[in-house]
Amino acid sequence: MNRTLRIAWTSLAVSLLVLGIKALAYRLTGSVALYSDALETVINVATAGAALFALWYSARPADANHRYGHYKAEYFSAIVEGGLVLATAFMIAGAAWQGLDHPPPIRAPWLGIAVNAAGGGVNLVWALVLLREGRRIRSPALLAGGRHVMTDVWTTLGVLAGFALVPLTGLAWLDPSVAALVALNILRAGYGVLRASVGGLMDEVPDLADVSVLRDAIAEGGGGAIEAHDVRLRAAGRMTFVEFHLVVPSEMTVEAAHRICDRIETAIRARVGQAVISIHVEPGYKTKQHEPREDVLLLS
């Protein structure tokens, strides 16, 4: 089992542990706010399972029907997660509305706060692990999971701060009010997850920093060529797809041009990791450097 799948299995186990802790806090108190926090963790469990499946499926090699691999499966996992997060927000909003109409009695508030805080601490540690590993291996599924778990951490902090005011002030309506704020925060987070996933599926242009890194790599390995133009890249999960035209002197041999391409590919992979690179070699008269274009990269 590779490291990514081990992380996904651990994420599922951590989500189940935190769910148990937060469900206990709710049972101890009867709080609508702590119920909302536990309900969000149910989504963590569901999305951890979805991410596990997506990571396993995306790791399958290319086949006759999927020549570019299965990397985009991770975006579908993130979309499922975003949809579930939005559904959770509406469920919590409904519970908050009922609680405002009939505020429930609160039992053992300080014990419930301590138990819920323990679950939040576990989530904080795991969110940092997911975000670090997701960035390292360029995994949308792990990044989406990490962002959602971190949202859960902030939610827990807000819930505990708001819920603590109930025993301090005696105002029972504060409990469902905190739950309503949780619903709004989850709604915002769900939109963010969906927005990032749809961008990936639509081959949205990556961060401009990635484009700059790519151009630097081409310039580093492109000695002997004239220019590169029509440079394009897109990301599909952990895989980066790069393509561009490389103009070389007309008298250059195929073998010499091939060596330049090899150097460029090595430089690109050293910077972006896994990559599928397509380079279209052209003779010198195909140069675009005299045209008013911004995507021409001069190499000599």
C-alpha atoms as a PDB file:
ATOM      1  CA  MET A   1       0.000   0.000   0.000  1.00  0.00           C
ATOM      2  CA  ASN A   2       1.485   3.381  -0.999  1.00  0.00           C
ATOM      3  CA  ARG A   3       1.806   6.369   1.328  1.00  0.00           C
ATOM      4  CA  THR A   4      -1.184   8.217  -0.122  1.00  0.00           C
ATOM      5  CA  LEU A   5      -3.572   5.321   0.473  1.00  0.00           C
ATOM      6  CA  ARG A   6      -2.236   4.878   4.009  1.00  0.00           C
ATOM      7  CA  ILE A   7      -3.014   8.537   4.659  1.00  0.00           C
ATOM      8  CA  ALA A   8      -6.531   8.088   3.279  1.00  0.00           C
ATOM      9  CA  TRP A   9      -7.173   5.035   5.494  1.00  0.00           C
ATOM     10  CA  THR A  10      -5.850   6.924   8.513  1.00  0.00           C
ATOM     11  CA  SER A  11      -8.063   9.886   7.637  1.00  0.00           C
ATOM     12  CA  LEU A  12     -11.113   7.627   7.731  1.00  0.00           C
ATOM     13  CA  ALA A  13     -10.065   6.198  11.111  1.00  0.00           C
ATOM     14  CA  VAL A  14      -9.418   9.680  12.561  1.00  0.00           C
ATOM     15  CA  SER A  15     -12.802  10.902  11.334  1.00  0.00           C
ATOM     16  CA  LEU A  16     -14.561   7.987  13.041  1.00  0.00           C
ATOM     17  CA  LEU A  17     -12.670   8.670  16.281  1.00  0.00           C
ATOM     18  CA  VAL A  18     -13.536  12.375  16.268  1.00  0.00           C
ATOM     19  CA  LEU A  19     -17.154  11.600  15.424  1.00  0.00           C
ATOM     20  CA  GLY A  20     -17.354   9.355  18.475  1.00  0.00           C
ATOM     21  CA  ILE A  21     -15.853  12.045  20.713  1.00  0.00           C
ATOM     22  CA  LYS A  22     -18.184  14.789  19.461  1.00  0.00           C
ATOM     23  CA  ALA A  23     -21.246  12.552  19.575  1.00  0.00           C
ATOM     24  CA  LEU A  24     -20.397  11.862  23.234  1.00  0.00           C
ATOM     25  CA  ALA A  25     -20.167  15.613  23.902  1.00  0.00           C
ATOM     26  CA  TYR A  26     -23.624  16.103  22.374  1.00  0.00           C
ATOM     27  CA  ARG A  27     -25.112  13.217  24.380  1.00  0.00           C
ATOM     28  CA  LEU A  28     -23.679  14.679  27.584  1.00  0.00           C
ATOM     29  CA  THR A  29     -25.129  18.152  26.993  1.00  0.00           C
ATOM     30  CA  GLY A  30     -28.085  17.972  24.598  1.00  0.00           C
ATOM     31  CA  SER A  31     -26.679  21.125  22.942  1.00  0.00           C
ATOM     32  CA  VAL A  32     -27.806  22.075  19.435  1.00  0.00           C
ATOM     33  CA  ALA A  33     -24.437  23.760  18.877  1.00  0.00           C
ATOM     34  CA  LEU A  34     -22.489  20.619  19.789  1.00  0.00           C
ATOM     35  CA  TYR A  35     -24.943  18.588  17.706  1.00  0.00           C
ATOM     36  CA  SER A  36     -24.079  20.768  14.707  1.00  0.00           C
ATOM     37  CA  ASP A  37     -20.382  20.195  15.300  1.00  0.00           C
ATOM     38  CA  ALA A  38     -20.910  16.427  15.486  1.00  0.00           C
ATOM     39  CA  LEU A  39     -23.062  16.462  12.356  1.00  0.00           C
ATOM     40  CA  GLU A  40     -20.308  18.136  10.378  1.00  0.00           C
ATOM     41  CA  THR A  41     -17.965  15.337  11.449  1.00  0.00           C
ATOM     42  CA  VAL A  42     -20.378  12.799   9.943  1.00  0.00           C
ATOM     43  CA  ILE A  43     -19.551  14.455   6.632  1.00  0.00           C
ATOM     44  CA  ASN A  44     -15.843  14.069   7.418  1.00  0.00           C
ATOM     45  CA  VAL A  45     -16.371  10.314   7.665  1.00  0.00           C
ATOM     46  CA  ALA A  46     -18.305  10.165   4.389  1.00  0.00           C
ATOM     47  CA  THR A  47     -15.823  12.302   2.492  1.00  0.00           C
ATOM     48  CA  ALA A  48     -12.836  10.391   3.896  1.00  0.00           C
ATOM     49  CA  GLY A  49     -14.373   7.266   2.393  1.00  0.00           C
ATOM     50  CA  ALA A  50     -14.947   9.041  -0.925  1.00  0.00           C
ATOM     51  CA  ALA A  51     -11.365  10.327  -0.944  1.00  0.00           C
ATOM     52  CA  LEU A  52     -10.057   6.834  -0.241  1.00  0.00           C
ATOM     53  CA  PHE A  53     -11.916   5.466  -3.261  1.00  0.00           C
ATOM     54  CA  ALA A  54     -10.812   8.381  -5.481  1.00  0.00           C
ATOM     55  CA  LEU A  55      -7.149   8.012  -4.534  1.00  0.00           C
ATOM     56  CA  TRP A  56      -7.257   4.277  -5.204  1.00  0.00           C
ATOM     57  CA  TYR A  57      -8.983   4.746  -8.561  1.00  0.00           C
ATOM     58  CA  SER A  58      -6.804   7.649  -9.707  1.00  0.00           C
ATOM     59  CA  ALA A  59      -3.664   5.566  -9.092  1.00  0.00           C
ATOM     60  CA  ARG A  60      -4.732   3.022 -11.738  1.00  0.00           C
ATOM     61  CA  PRO A  61      -2.511   3.094 -14.834  1.00  0.00           C
ATOM     62  CA  ALA A  62      -3.712   4.415 -18.181  1.00  0.00           C
ATOM     63  CA  ASP A  63      -5.761   1.954 -20.215  1.00  0.00           C
ATOM     64  CA  ALA A  64      -7.410   1.730 -23.641  1.00  0.00           C
ATOM     65  CA  ASN A  65     -10.326   3.941 -22.550  1.00  0.00           C
ATOM     66  CA  HIS A  66      -8.335   6.409 -20.427  1.00  0.00           C
ATOM     67  CA  ARG A  67      -5.129   7.181 -22.316  1.00  0.00           C
ATOM     68  CA  TYR A  68      -4.297  10.068 -19.988  1.00  0.00           C
ATOM     69  CA  GLY A  69      -4.797   8.039 -16.822  1.00  0.00           C
ATOM     70  CA  HIS A  70      -7.448   8.330 -14.108  1.00  0.00           C
ATOM     71  CA  TYR A  71      -6.056  11.332 -12.233  1.00  0.00           C
ATOM     72  CA  LYS A  72      -9.199  13.462 -12.462  1.00  0.00           C
ATOM     73  CA  ALA A  73     -11.105  10.980 -10.291  1.00  0.00           C
ATOM     74  CA  GLU A  74      -9.810  12.971  -7.310  1.00  0.00           C
ATOM     75  CA  TYR A  75     -11.771  16.030  -8.438  1.00  0.00           C
ATOM     76  CA  PHE A  76     -14.992  14.015  -8.365  1.00  0.00           C
ATOM     77  CA  SER A  77     -14.238  13.096  -4.758  1.00  0.00           C
ATOM     78  CA  ALA A  78     -13.784  16.756  -3.916  1.00  0.00           C
ATOM     79  CA  ILE A  79     -17.082  17.616  -5.652  1.00  0.00           C
ATOM     80  CA  VAL A  80     -18.889  14.937  -3.628  1.00  0.00           C
ATOM     81  CA  GLU A  81     -17.343  16.407  -0.499  1.00  0.00           C
ATOM     82  CA  GLY A  82     -18.450  19.919  -1.398  1.00  0.00           C
ATOM     83  CA  GLY A  83     -22.014  18.731  -2.065  1.00  0.00           C
ATOM     84  CA  LEU A  84     -22.168  16.887   1.248  1.00  0.00           C
ATOM     85  CA  VAL A  85     -20.841  19.927   3.082  1.00  0.00           C
ATOM     86  CA  LEU A  86     -23.588  22.087   1.580  1.00  0.00           C
ATOM     87  CA  ALA A  87     -26.228  19.498   2.537  1.00  0.00           C
ATOM     88  CA  THR A  88     -24.885  19.485   6.088  1.00  0.00           C
ATOM     89  CA  ALA A  89     -25.170  23.258   6.290  1.00  0.00           C
ATOM     90  CA  PHE A  90     -28.902  23.076   5.511  1.00  0.00           C
ATOM     91  CA  MET A  91     -29.427  20.259   8.028  1.00  0.00           C
ATOM     92  CA  ILE A  92     -27.732  22.262  10.769  1.00  0.00           C
ATOM     93  CA  ALA A  93     -29.720  25.361   9.809  1.00  0.00           C
ATOM     94  CA  GLY A  94     -32.938  23.361  10.265  1.00  0.00           C
ATOM     95  CA  ALA A  95     -31.844  22.152  13.711  1.00  0.00           C
ATOM     96  CA  ALA A  96     -30.875  25.695  14.689  1.00  0.00           C
ATOM     97  CA  TRP A  97     -34.277  27.021  13.620  1.00  0.00           C
ATOM     98  CA  GLN A  98     -36.051  24.448  15.759  1.00  0.00           C
ATOM     99  CA  GLY A  99     -33.726  25.223  18.665  1.00  0.00           C
ATOM    100  CA  LEU A 100     -34.489  28.936  18.452  1.00  0.00           C
ATOM    101  CA  ASP A 101     -38.191  28.132  18.620  1.00  0.00           C
ATOM    102  CA  HIS A 102     -37.759  25.712  21.548  1.00  0.00           C
ATOM    103  CA  PRO A 103     -34.301  26.062  23.169  1.00  0.00           C
ATOM    104  CA  PRO A 104     -33.273  22.689  24.642  1.00  0.00           C
ATOM    105  CA  PRO A 105     -32.134  22.403  28.287  1.00  0.00           C
ATOM    106  CA  ILE A 106     -28.356  22.150  28.631  1.00  0.00           C
ATOM    107  CA  ARG A 107     -26.748  19.454  30.804  1.00  0.00           C
ATOM    108  CA  ALA A 108     -23.145  19.259  32.060  1.00  0.00           C
ATOM    109  CA  PRO A 109     -21.914  22.117  29.808  1.00  0.00           C
ATOM    110  CA  TRP A 110     -18.302  22.226  31.010  1.00  0.00           C
ATOM    111  CA  LEU A 111     -17.787  18.498  30.671  1.00  0.00           C
ATOM    112  CA  GLY A 112     -19.240  18.675  27.158  1.00  0.00           C
ATOM    113  CA  ILE A 113     -16.876  21.528  26.274  1.00  0.00           C
ATOM    114  CA  ALA A 114     -13.858  19.541  27.493  1.00  0.00           C
ATOM    115  CA  VAL A 115     -14.836  16.436  25.540  1.00  0.00           C
ATOM    116  CA  ASN A 116     -15.580  18.397  22.357  1.00  0.00           C
ATOM    117  CA  ALA A 117     -12.289  20.291  22.664  1.00  0.00           C
ATOM    118  CA  ALA A 118     -10.436  16.968  22.712  1.00  0.00           C
ATOM    119  CA  GLY A 119     -12.051  16.042  19.402  1.00  0.00           C
ATOM    120  CA  GLY A 120     -11.090  19.421  17.980  1.00  0.00           C
ATOM    121  CA  GLY A 121      -7.460  18.887  19.002  1.00  0.00           C
ATOM    122  CA  VAL A 122      -7.318  15.564  17.175  1.00  0.00           C
ATOM    123  CA  ASN A 123      -8.786  17.243  14.080  1.00  0.00           C
ATOM    124  CA  LEU A 124      -6.253  20.078  14.188  1.00  0.00           C
ATOM    125  CA  VAL A 125      -3.285  17.711  14.136  1.00  0.00           C
ATOM    126  CA  TRP A 126      -4.763  15.662  11.309  1.00  0.00           C
ATOM    127  CA  ALA A 127      -5.756  18.687   9.210  1.00  0.00           C
ATOM    128  CA  LEU A 128      -2.150  19.925   9.256  1.00  0.00           C
ATOM    129  CA  VAL A 129      -0.942  16.477   8.155  1.00  0.00           C
ATOM    130  CA  LEU A 130      -3.440  16.322   5.267  1.00  0.00           C
ATOM    131  CA  LEU A 131      -2.600  19.819   4.018  1.00  0.00           C
ATOM    132  CA  ARG A 132       1.140  19.141   4.145  1.00  0.00           C
ATOM    133  CA  GLU A 133       0.891  15.830   2.313  1.00  0.00           C
ATOM    134  CA  GLY A 134      -1.685  17.145  -0.173  1.00  0.00           C
ATOM    135  CA  ARG A 135       0.636  19.965  -1.219  1.00  0.00           C
ATOM    136  CA  ARG A 136       3.640  17.654  -1.357  1.00  0.00           C
ATOM    137  CA  ILE A 137       2.042  15.155  -3.756  1.00  0.00           C
ATOM    138  CA  ARG A 138      -0.338  17.636  -5.458  1.00  0.00           C
ATOM    139  CA  SER A 139      -3.451  15.695  -4.438  1.00  0.00           C
ATOM    140  CA  PRO A 140      -6.799  17.564  -4.751  1.00  0.00           C
ATOM    141  CA  ALA A 141      -8.549  14.890  -2.674  1.00  0.00           C
ATOM    142  CA  LEU A 142      -6.144  15.238   0.259  1.00  0.00           C
ATOM    143  CA  LEU A 143      -6.111  19.036   0.004  1.00  0.00           C
ATOM    144  CA  ALA A 144      -9.912  19.192  -0.061  1.00  0.00           C
ATOM    145  CA  GLY A 145     -10.058  16.852   2.914  1.00  0.00           C
ATOM    146  CA  GLY A 146      -7.459  18.878   4.798  1.00  0.00           C
ATOM    147  CA  ARG A 147      -9.266  22.159   4.147  1.00  0.00           C
ATOM    148  CA  HIS A 148     -12.544  20.675   5.275  1.00  0.00           C
ATOM    149  CA  VAL A 149     -11.048  19.216   8.453  1.00  0.00           C
ATOM    150  CA  MET A 150      -9.416  22.591   9.181  1.00  0.00           C
ATOM    151  CA  THR A 151     -12.812  24.217   8.694  1.00  0.00           C
ATOM    152  CA  ASP A 152     -14.112  21.726  11.232  1.00  0.00           C
ATOM    153  CA  VAL A 153     -11.389  22.863  13.650  1.00  0.00           C
ATOM    154  CA  TRP A 154     -12.393  26.515  13.341  1.00  0.00           C
ATOM    155  CA  THR A 155     -16.005  25.500  13.650  1.00  0.00           C
ATOM    156  CA  THR A 156     -15.243  23.649  16.873  1.00  0.00           C
ATOM    157  CA  LEU A 157     -13.429  26.669  18.308  1.00  0.00           C
ATOM    158  CA  GLY A 158     -16.343  28.938  17.445  1.00  0.00           C
ATOM    159  CA  VAL A 159     -18.867  26.488  18.810  1.00  0.00           C
ATOM    160  CA  LEU A 160     -17.019  26.090  22.101  1.00  0.00           C
ATOM    161  CA  ALA A 161     -16.578  29.847  22.516  1.00  0.00           C
ATOM    162  CA  GLY A 162     -20.251  30.510  21.814  1.00  0.00           C
ATOM    163  CA  PHE A 163     -21.549  27.533  23.786  1.00  0.00           C
ATOM    164  CA  ALA A 164     -19.488  28.556  26.843  1.00  0.00           C
ATOM    165  CA  LEU A 165     -21.586  31.726  27.027  1.00  0.00           C
ATOM    166  CA  VAL A 166     -24.736  29.694  27.694  1.00  0.00           C
ATOM    167  CA  PRO A 167     -23.840  28.588  31.261  1.00  0.00           C
ATOM    168  CA  LEU A 168     -22.109  31.909  31.913  1.00  0.00           C
ATOM    169  CA  THR A 169     -25.078  34.084  30.909  1.00  0.00           C
ATOM    170  CA  GLY A 170     -28.036  31.720  31.281  1.00  0.00           C
ATOM    171  CA  LEU A 171     -29.251  32.706  27.795  1.00  0.00           C
ATOM    172  CA  ALA A 172     -30.463  29.430  26.246  1.00  0.00           C
ATOM    173  CA  TRP A 173     -31.071  30.987  22.814  1.00  0.00           C
ATOM    174  CA  LEU A 174     -27.302  31.427  22.359  1.00  0.00           C
ATOM    175  CA  ASP A 175     -26.951  27.661  21.824  1.00  0.00           C
ATOM    176  CA  PRO A 176     -29.041  27.415  18.608  1.00  0.00           C
ATOM    177  CA  SER A 177     -27.676  30.793  17.488  1.00  0.00           C
ATOM    178  CA  VAL A 178     -24.165  29.364  17.512  1.00  0.00           C
ATOM    179  CA  ALA A 179     -25.446  26.423  15.442  1.00  0.00           C
ATOM    180  CA  ALA A 180     -26.870  28.864  12.876  1.00  0.00           C
ATOM    181  CA  LEU A 181     -23.473  30.557  12.560  1.00  0.00           C
ATOM    182  CA  VAL A 182     -21.885  27.135  12.072  1.00  0.00           C
ATOM    183  CA  ALA A 183     -24.279  26.483   9.193  1.00  0.00           C
ATOM    184  CA  LEU A 184     -23.263  29.740   7.493  1.00  0.00           C
ATOM    185  CA  ASN A 185     -19.562  28.958   7.884  1.00  0.00           C
ATOM    186  CA  ILE A 186     -20.006  25.454   6.460  1.00  0.00           C
ATOM    187  CA  LEU A 187     -21.962  26.888   3.522  1.00  0.00           C
ATOM    188  CA  ARG A 188     -19.019  29.147   2.684  1.00  0.00           C
ATOM    189  CA  ALA A 189     -16.530  26.279   2.958  1.00  0.00           C
ATOM    190  CA  GLY A 190     -18.623  24.009   0.757  1.00  0.00           C
ATOM    191  CA  TYR A 191     -18.752  26.613  -1.984  1.00  0.00           C
ATOM    192  CA  GLY A 192     -14.953  26.944  -1.871  1.00  0.00           C
ATOM    193  CA  VAL A 193     -14.413  23.198  -2.238  1.00  0.00           C
ATOM    194  CA  LEU A 194     -16.826  22.989  -5.172  1.00  0.00           C
ATOM    195  CA  ARG A 195     -15.289  26.011  -6.872  1.00  0.00           C
ATOM    196  CA  ALA A 196     -11.757  24.557  -6.753  1.00  0.00           C
ATOM    197  CA  SER A 197     -12.905  21.143  -7.994  1.00  0.00           C
ATOM    198  CA  VAL A 198     -14.897  22.505 -10.934  1.00  0.00           C
ATOM    199  CA  GLY A 199     -11.884  24.611 -11.905  1.00  0.00           C
ATOM    200  CA  GLY A 200      -9.749  21.471 -12.046  1.00  0.00           C
ATOM    201  CA  LEU A 201     -12.277  19.570 -14.143  1.00  0.00           C
ATOM    202  CA  MET A 202     -12.501  22.493 -16.568  1.00  0.00           C
ATOM    203  CA  ASP A 203      -8.691  22.647 -16.954  1.00  0.00           C
ATOM    204  CA  GLU A 204      -8.577  26.087 -15.405  1.00  0.00           C
ATOM    205  CA  VAL A 205      -5.222  27.849 -15.774  1.00  0.00           C
ATOM    206  CA  PRO A 206      -3.027  26.953 -12.782  1.00  0.00           C
ATOM    207  CA  ASP A 207      -1.512  29.485 -10.454  1.00  0.00           C
ATOM    208  CA  LEU A 208       0.675  32.014 -12.284  1.00  0.00           C
ATOM    209  CA  ALA A 209       3.587  30.897 -10.092  1.00  0.00           C
ATOM    210  CA  ASP A 210       3.335  27.448 -11.720  1.00  0.00           C
ATOM    211  CA  VAL A 211       3.507  29.020 -15.174  1.00  0.00           C
ATOM    212  CA  SER A 212       6.603  30.984 -14.156  1.00  0.00           C
ATOM    213  CA  VAL A 213       8.263  27.827 -12.815  1.00  0.00           C
ATOM    214  CA  LEU A 214       7.543  26.065 -16.113  1.00  0.00           C
ATOM    215  CA  ARG A 215       9.058  28.871 -18.182  1.00  0.00           C
ATOM    216  CA  ASP A 216      12.174  28.853 -15.989  1.00  0.00           C
ATOM    217  CA  ALA A 217      12.542  25.094 -16.525  1.00  0.00           C
ATOM    218  CA  ILE A 218      12.265  25.453 -20.312  1.00  0.00           C
ATOM    219  CA  ALA A 219      14.842  28.240 -20.281  1.00  0.00           C
ATOM    220  CA  GLU A 220      17.212  26.128 -18.158  1.00  0.00           C
ATOM    221  CA  GLY A 221      17.123  23.089 -20.434  1.00  0.00           C
ATOM    222  CA  GLY A 222      16.579  24.811 -23.765  1.00  0.00           C
ATOM    223  CA  GLY A 223      20.136  25.879 -24.573  1.00  0.00           C
ATOM    224  CA  GLY A 224      20.741  25.504 -28.312  1.00  0.00           C
ATOM    225  CA  ALA A 225      17.096  26.085 -29.270  1.00  0.00           C
ATOM    226  CA  ILE A 226      15.793  29.413 -30.552  1.00  0.00           C
ATOM    227  CA  GLU A 227      12.514  29.828 -28.707  1.00  0.00           C
ATOM    228  CA  ALA A 228       9.499  28.160 -27.179  1.00  0.00           C
ATOM    229  CA  HIS A 229       5.965  29.336 -27.835  1.00  0.00           C
ATOM    230  CA  ASP A 230       2.349  28.274 -27.271  1.00  0.00           C
ATOM    231  CA  VAL A 231       3.373  27.067 -23.805  1.00  0.00           C
ATOM    232  CA  ARG A 232       0.400  25.479 -22.052  1.00  0.00           C
ATOM    233  CA  LEU A 233      -0.077  23.450 -18.911  1.00  0.00           C
ATOM    234  CA  ARG A 234      -2.901  21.966 -16.931  1.00  0.00           C
ATOM    235  CA  ALA A 235      -3.131  19.860 -13.810  1.00  0.00           C
ATOM    236  CA  ALA A 236      -5.161  16.687 -13.330  1.00  0.00           C
ATOM    237  CA  GLY A 237      -4.788  15.657  -9.725  1.00  0.00           C
ATOM    238  CA  ARG A 238      -1.146  14.826  -9.060  1.00  0.00           C
ATOM    239  CA  MET A 239      -0.223  14.843 -12.757  1.00  0.00           C
ATOM    240  CA  THR A 240       0.795  17.966 -14.685  1.00  0.00           C
ATOM    241  CA  PHE A 241       0.348  18.038 -18.468  1.00  0.00           C
ATOM    242  CA  VAL A 242       2.679  20.337 -20.394  1.00  0.00           C
ATOM    243  CA  GLU A 243       2.831  21.088 -24.100  1.00  0.00           C
ATOM    244  CA  PHE A 244       4.601  23.690 -26.225  1.00  0.00           C
ATOM    245  CA  HIS A 245       6.347  24.308 -29.549  1.00  0.00           C
ATOM    246  CA  LEU A 246      10.151  24.357 -29.553  1.00  0.00           C
ATOM    247  CA  VAL A 247      11.845  26.171 -32.439  1.00  0.00           C
ATOM    248  CA  VAL A 248      15.376  24.949 -33.256  1.00  0.00           C
ATOM    249  CA  PRO A 249      17.827  25.954 -36.014  1.00  0.00           C
ATOM    250  CA  SER A 250      16.739  24.500 -39.347  1.00  0.00           C
ATOM    251  CA  GLU A 251      20.077  22.743 -39.852  1.00  0.00           C
ATOM    252  CA  MET A 252      19.959  20.991 -36.458  1.00  0.00           C
ATOM    253  CA  THR A 253      19.759  17.195 -36.580  1.00  0.00           C
ATOM    254  CA  VAL A 254      16.874  15.258 -35.104  1.00  0.00           C
ATOM    255  CA  GLU A 255      19.252  13.713 -32.574  1.00  0.00           C
ATOM    256  CA  ALA A 256      20.483  17.104 -31.356  1.00  0.00           C
ATOM    257  CA  ALA A 257      16.923  18.433 -31.067  1.00  0.00           C
ATOM    258  CA  HIS A 258      15.973  15.320 -29.135  1.00  0.00           C
ATOM    259  CA  ARG A 259      18.773  15.919 -26.633  1.00  0.00           C
ATOM    260  CA  ILE A 260      17.451  19.437 -25.999  1.00  0.00           C
ATOM    261  CA  CYS A 261      13.960  18.048 -25.436  1.00  0.00           C
ATOM    262  CA  ASP A 262      15.351  15.511 -22.948  1.00  0.00           C
ATOM    263  CA  ARG A 263      17.099  18.283 -20.998  1.00  0.00           C
ATOM    264  CA  ILE A 264      13.930  20.375 -20.890  1.00  0.00           C
ATOM    265  CA  GLU A 265      11.820  17.427 -19.725  1.00  0.00           C
ATOM    266  CA  THR A 266      14.292  16.671 -16.948  1.00  0.00           C
ATOM    267  CA  ALA A 267      14.238  20.308 -15.797  1.00  0.00           C
ATOM    268  CA  ILE A 268      10.429  20.430 -15.830  1.00  0.00           C
ATOM    269  CA  ARG A 269      10.010  17.222 -13.830  1.00  0.00           C
ATOM    270  CA  ALA A 270      12.591  18.426 -11.314  1.00  0.00           C
ATOM    271  CA  ARG A 271      10.296  21.379 -10.595  1.00  0.00           C
ATOM    272  CA  VAL A 272       6.734  20.073 -10.952  1.00  0.00           C
ATOM    273  CA  GLY A 273       7.099  16.350 -10.202  1.00  0.00           C
ATOM    274  CA  GLN A 274       5.041  13.886 -12.254  1.00  0.00           C
ATOM    275  CA  ALA A 275       4.383  15.299 -15.709  1.00  0.00           C
ATOM    276  CA  VAL A 276       3.300  14.282 -19.206  1.00  0.00           C
ATOM    277  CA  ILE A 277       5.250  16.524 -21.581  1.00  0.00           C
ATOM    278  CA  SER A 278       4.544  17.005 -25.286  1.00  0.00           C
ATOM    279  CA  ILE A 279       7.068  19.068 -27.287  1.00  0.00           C
ATOM    280  CA  HIS A 280       6.452  19.885 -30.936  1.00  0.00           C
ATOM    281  CA  VAL A 281       9.822  20.648 -32.573  1.00  0.00           C
ATOM    282  CA  GLU A 282       9.790  23.202 -35.416  1.00  0.00           C
ATOM    283  CA  PRO A 283      12.463  24.565 -37.803  1.00  0.00           C
ATOM    284  CA  GLY A 284      13.923  28.034 -37.426  1.00  0.00           C
ATOM    285  CA  TYR A 285      11.619  29.783 -39.896  1.00  0.00           C
ATOM    286  CA  LYS A 286       8.640  28.989 -37.612  1.00  0.00           C
ATOM    287  CA  THR A 287       9.868  31.483 -35.015  1.00  0.00           C
ATOM    288  CA  LYS A 288       7.247  33.821 -33.513  1.00  0.00           C
ATOM    289  CA  GLN A 289       9.613  36.251 -31.803  1.00  0.00           C
ATOM    290  CA  HIS A 290       8.830  39.030 -34.268  1.00  0.00           C
ATOM    291  CA  GLU A 291       5.100  38.787 -33.600  1.00  0.00           C
ATOM    292  CA  PRO A 292       3.401  40.823 -30.827  1.00  0.00           C
ATOM    293  CA  ARG A 293       2.844  37.811 -28.546  1.00  0.00           C
ATOM    294  CA  GLU A 294       3.366  37.428 -24.807  1.00  0.00           C
ATOM    295  CA  ASP A 295       3.819  33.633 -24.829  1.00  0.00           C
ATOM    296  CA  VAL A 296       7.096  33.573 -26.775  1.00  0.00           C
ATOM    297  CA  LEU A 297      10.066  32.467 -24.639  1.00  0.00           C
ATOM    298  CA  LEU A 298      13.428  33.328 -26.250  1.00  0.00           C
ATOM    299  CA  LEU A 299      16.103  30.699 -25.636  1.00  0.00           C
ATOM    300  CA  SER A 300      19.017  32.080 -27.648  1.00  0.00           C
END
